Amino acid sequence: MTTNNTAAAAPAPLPRSGGAWARDLGDQYSKLARTSTDPQQAEANAAEARTYFDIADRMDRAISDTSQPGEEHKP
């Protein structure tokens, strides 16, 4: 039995390494903060953006620091 599906499902996104996923969320919150017309909501979104950018930076530093025990990169 053959079916023709004209609305093919989008492929699953590739896994993001390091803090890239957090940076993506930070970018989204940052955009919301810039476009918000409510000053309180803009500040709340800016705070969320800073939180996710901080997470991304910490994750990137932790991954690049191979001198720490448990941070070895095994093939």
C-alpha atoms as a PDB file:
ATOM      1  CA  MET A   1       0.000   0.000   0.000  1.00  0.00           C
ATOM      2  CA  THR A   2       1.426   3.374  -0.996  1.00  0.00           C
ATOM      3  CA  THR A   3       0.378   6.721   0.429  1.00  0.00           C
ATOM      4  CA  ASN A   4       1.177  10.103  -0.990  1.00  0.00           C
ATOM      5  CA  ASN A   5       1.869  12.533   1.802  1.00  0.00           C
ATOM      6  CA  THR A   6       2.180  15.995   0.345  1.00  0.00           C
ATOM      7  CA  ALA A   7       2.717  17.579   3.755  1.00  0.00           C
ATOM      8  CA  ALA A   8       5.941  15.834   4.720  1.00  0.00           C
ATOM      9  CA  ALA A   9       7.036  16.242   8.292  1.00  0.00           C
ATOM     10  CA  ALA A  10       9.970  18.549   8.874  1.00  0.00           C
ATOM     11  CA  PRO A  11      13.185  16.758   9.780  1.00  0.00           C
ATOM     12  CA  ALA A  12      14.084  16.754  13.454  1.00  0.00           C
ATOM     13  CA  PRO A  13      16.629  19.425  14.363  1.00  0.00           C
ATOM     14  CA  LEU A  14      20.177  18.279  14.871  1.00  0.00           C
ATOM     15  CA  PRO A  15      21.365  18.232  18.482  1.00  0.00           C
ATOM     16  CA  ARG A  16      23.095  21.447  19.498  1.00  0.00           C
ATOM     17  CA  SER A  17      26.417  21.157  21.260  1.00  0.00           C
ATOM     18  CA  GLY A  18      27.588  23.188  24.195  1.00  0.00           C
ATOM     19  CA  GLY A  19      25.525  26.199  25.109  1.00  0.00           C
ATOM     20  CA  ALA A  20      24.124  26.808  21.625  1.00  0.00           C
ATOM     21  CA  TRP A  21      20.593  25.842  22.666  1.00  0.00           C
ATOM     22  CA  ALA A  22      20.701  28.317  25.574  1.00  0.00           C
ATOM     23  CA  ARG A  23      22.103  31.028  23.292  1.00  0.00           C
ATOM     24  CA  ASP A  24      19.199  30.413  20.893  1.00  0.00           C
ATOM     25  CA  LEU A  25      16.702  30.892  23.732  1.00  0.00           C
ATOM     26  CA  GLY A  26      18.567  34.010  24.856  1.00  0.00           C
ATOM     27  CA  ASP A  27      18.285  35.395  21.330  1.00  0.00           C
ATOM     28  CA  GLN A  28      14.531  34.756  21.316  1.00  0.00           C
ATOM     29  CA  TYR A  29      13.991  36.447  24.687  1.00  0.00           C
ATOM     30  CA  SER A  30      16.193  39.340  23.579  1.00  0.00           C
ATOM     31  CA  LYS A  31      14.063  39.849  20.486  1.00  0.00           C
ATOM     32  CA  LEU A  32      10.911  39.779  22.623  1.00  0.00           C
ATOM     33  CA  ALA A  33      12.444  42.385  24.939  1.00  0.00           C
ATOM     34  CA  ARG A  34      13.275  44.708  22.033  1.00  0.00           C
ATOM     35  CA  THR A  35       9.822  44.450  20.461  1.00  0.00           C
ATOM     36  CA  SER A  36       7.671  44.543  23.604  1.00  0.00           C
ATOM     37  CA  THR A  37       5.470  47.595  24.116  1.00  0.00           C
ATOM     38  CA  ASP A  38       5.077  46.894  27.844  1.00  0.00           C
ATOM     39  CA  PRO A  39       8.168  48.119  29.762  1.00  0.00           C
ATOM     40  CA  GLN A  40       7.727  45.556  32.555  1.00  0.00           C
ATOM     41  CA  GLN A  41       7.431  42.696  30.076  1.00  0.00           C
ATOM     42  CA  ALA A  42      10.430  44.012  28.154  1.00  0.00           C
ATOM     43  CA  GLU A  43      12.545  44.012  31.317  1.00  0.00           C
ATOM     44  CA  ALA A  44      11.351  40.518  32.266  1.00  0.00           C
ATOM     45  CA  ASN A  45      12.275  39.208  28.811  1.00  0.00           C
ATOM     46  CA  ALA A  46      15.656  40.975  28.956  1.00  0.00           C
ATOM     47  CA  ALA A  47      16.329  39.314  32.317  1.00  0.00           C
ATOM     48  CA  GLU A  48      15.463  35.898  30.845  1.00  0.00           C
ATOM     49  CA  ALA A  49      17.769  36.615  27.897  1.00  0.00           C
ATOM     50  CA  ARG A  50      20.651  37.426  30.272  1.00  0.00           C
ATOM     51  CA  THR A  51      19.988  34.213  32.194  1.00  0.00           C
ATOM     52  CA  TYR A  52      20.181  32.059  29.067  1.00  0.00           C
ATOM     53  CA  PHE A  53      23.265  33.892  27.734  1.00  0.00           C
ATOM     54  CA  ASP A  54      24.943  33.264  31.100  1.00  0.00           C
ATOM     55  CA  ILE A  55      24.040  29.552  30.933  1.00  0.00           C
ATOM     56  CA  ALA A  56      25.439  29.341  27.402  1.00  0.00           C
ATOM     57  CA  ASP A  57      28.699  31.009  28.408  1.00  0.00           C
ATOM     58  CA  ARG A  58      29.142  28.733  31.427  1.00  0.00           C
ATOM     59  CA  MET A  59      28.432  25.624  29.348  1.00  0.00           C
ATOM     60  CA  ASP A  60      30.855  26.679  26.615  1.00  0.00           C
ATOM     61  CA  ARG A  61      33.583  27.365  29.186  1.00  0.00           C
ATOM     62  CA  ALA A  62      32.980  24.033  30.942  1.00  0.00           C
ATOM     63  CA  ILE A  63      33.179  22.090  27.696  1.00  0.00           C
ATOM     64  CA  SER A  64      36.337  23.844  26.522  1.00  0.00           C
ATOM     65  CA  ASP A  65      38.099  23.338  29.880  1.00  0.00           C
ATOM     66  CA  THR A  66      39.429  19.803  29.474  1.00  0.00           C
ATOM     67  CA  SER A  67      41.790  20.155  32.436  1.00  0.00           C
ATOM     68  CA  GLN A  68      38.920  19.620  34.874  1.00  0.00           C
ATOM     69  CA  PRO A  69      38.306  16.039  36.034  1.00  0.00           C
ATOM     70  CA  GLY A  70      35.358  14.494  34.255  1.00  0.00           C
ATOM     71  CA  GLU A  71      35.615  16.907  31.339  1.00  0.00           C
ATOM     72  CA  GLU A  72      37.696  14.625  29.130  1.00  0.00           C
ATOM     73  CA  HIS A  73      36.491  14.395  25.590  1.00  0.00           C
ATOM     74  CA  LYS A  74      36.479  10.766  24.613  1.00  0.00           C
ATOM     75  CA  PRO A  75      36.128   9.770  20.956  1.00  0.00           C
END
